[in-house]
Amino acid sequence: MSANSSYAAAGVDTAAGDLAVELMKESVAKTHGPNVLGGVGGFAGLFDLSFAKDYRRPLLATSTDGVGTKIAIAQALDIHDTIGQDLVGMVVDDIVVVGAKPLFMTDYIACGKVVPDRIAAIVTGIARACAETGTALVGGETAEHPGLMGVDDYDVAGAAVGIVEADRALGAERVADGDVVIAIESSGLHSNGYSLVRHILAGAGLSYTDASPELGTTWGEALLEPTRLYSGPLVRLLEGPHGASVHSLSHVTGGGIAANLARVLPQGSWVEVDRSTWSPQPVFRVLNDLAGTTLESTEGTWNLGIGFFAVVAADAAADVIAALDGLGLPSWQVGTVALGAVPAGAGWEQGAKGVDGGAVRLVGSYRG
């Protein structure tokens, strides 16, 4: 074969890929417990599921996601060791919504050119977050796409699997009249609505290296704030004395506040979420000020300070809030579930993402 027809001449550097694997091996291995068989580099990851024989009816839960255009900011600033936490947050935290304990995860990185240190930084971030959530990183893939992606471009995605006892699975069918809706504080934007974020900054003529006096950081630092990881504390909550009082959970991701809560409520139910119970973080206020819009207008795009909802039995609400606070997840009551006809008026969200669940709207004004 001539040099001009070699794989390297086509833009694919297998040696760089091998080096990237070597650089990430140690961090990946730290996520492996006794259930992981084999090491890094196999064609498939193996996970020993024999412990599931202790379950009466084990259900496997699975989720897949990416990080979206937040990656563009990481690329622009050449900071790649936090984007992995965003990926784990988007994937693994969906697993716990059904009450499942995450078991393992795989990742996929597509790039224009394998830069070993960059790929290793991304995977190190993924592995660090996997370790924090008790999730084994059992495999992954890095693929070069020369000619399709620029040399500094990449995208990440992942998939995870968890397990839950069938009669402990959470969902709308468990929710009852009078249940209390608890909000769990986000760390900021997480990984949703970044196309709007970038559009606002571009319209204001701001770059990611520009300082924001209101935020006390550069815009890049504020926007790369990693997604808070909820699954570890939430699994501990569900396994604790108040776990049976938790009826459903919602991860506030794409689609915003009302739509994601509506997905985990039963048909024929409704909730009014009281805005006056919290104050959205400064990043949301500053972005809206730049755009000349209101916080209310972005409720369907950003989480505005709520990363998760827990719908719980009314008589356990105070105990669950105290438990969540003790687990490092600041929480508060935002509403109450009602069964029956939805009150008249505008602003109700229902039927998001194909789920014919409850109806939700936000009422009142945010705290200053």
Foldseek 3Di string as FASTA:
>chain_A
DDPCPDPVVVPADVVLVVLLCVLQQVLLVLLDDPQWDDGADDPFTGGHPVVCVPFPAKDKDKFKDWQPCLVVLCLVVVNAQQRLLLQCQVTVVVRCQFPWQWEEKEKEKEAQHRDSVNSSSNSSSNSVNSNVSSYRHGYYYYHHDHPVHDRSDMIMMMMTMTMDRPVLTAFQVQFDAFWFKKFWWKPAQRRWDVVLVVVLCVVLVHDQQCDDPQVRGGNSVVSSPHTDHDNNLSNVLLPDPQNVFWHGKFFAHQQADFQRVQLRHAAQKEKEFEQAVAQFDPVLVVSCVSVVHDSVVCRRTGHRTTGMMTTGHPVCVVVSQVSCVVSVTHMDTGITMHGHDDDDDDAWDACPPNRGGYIYGYDDDHDD
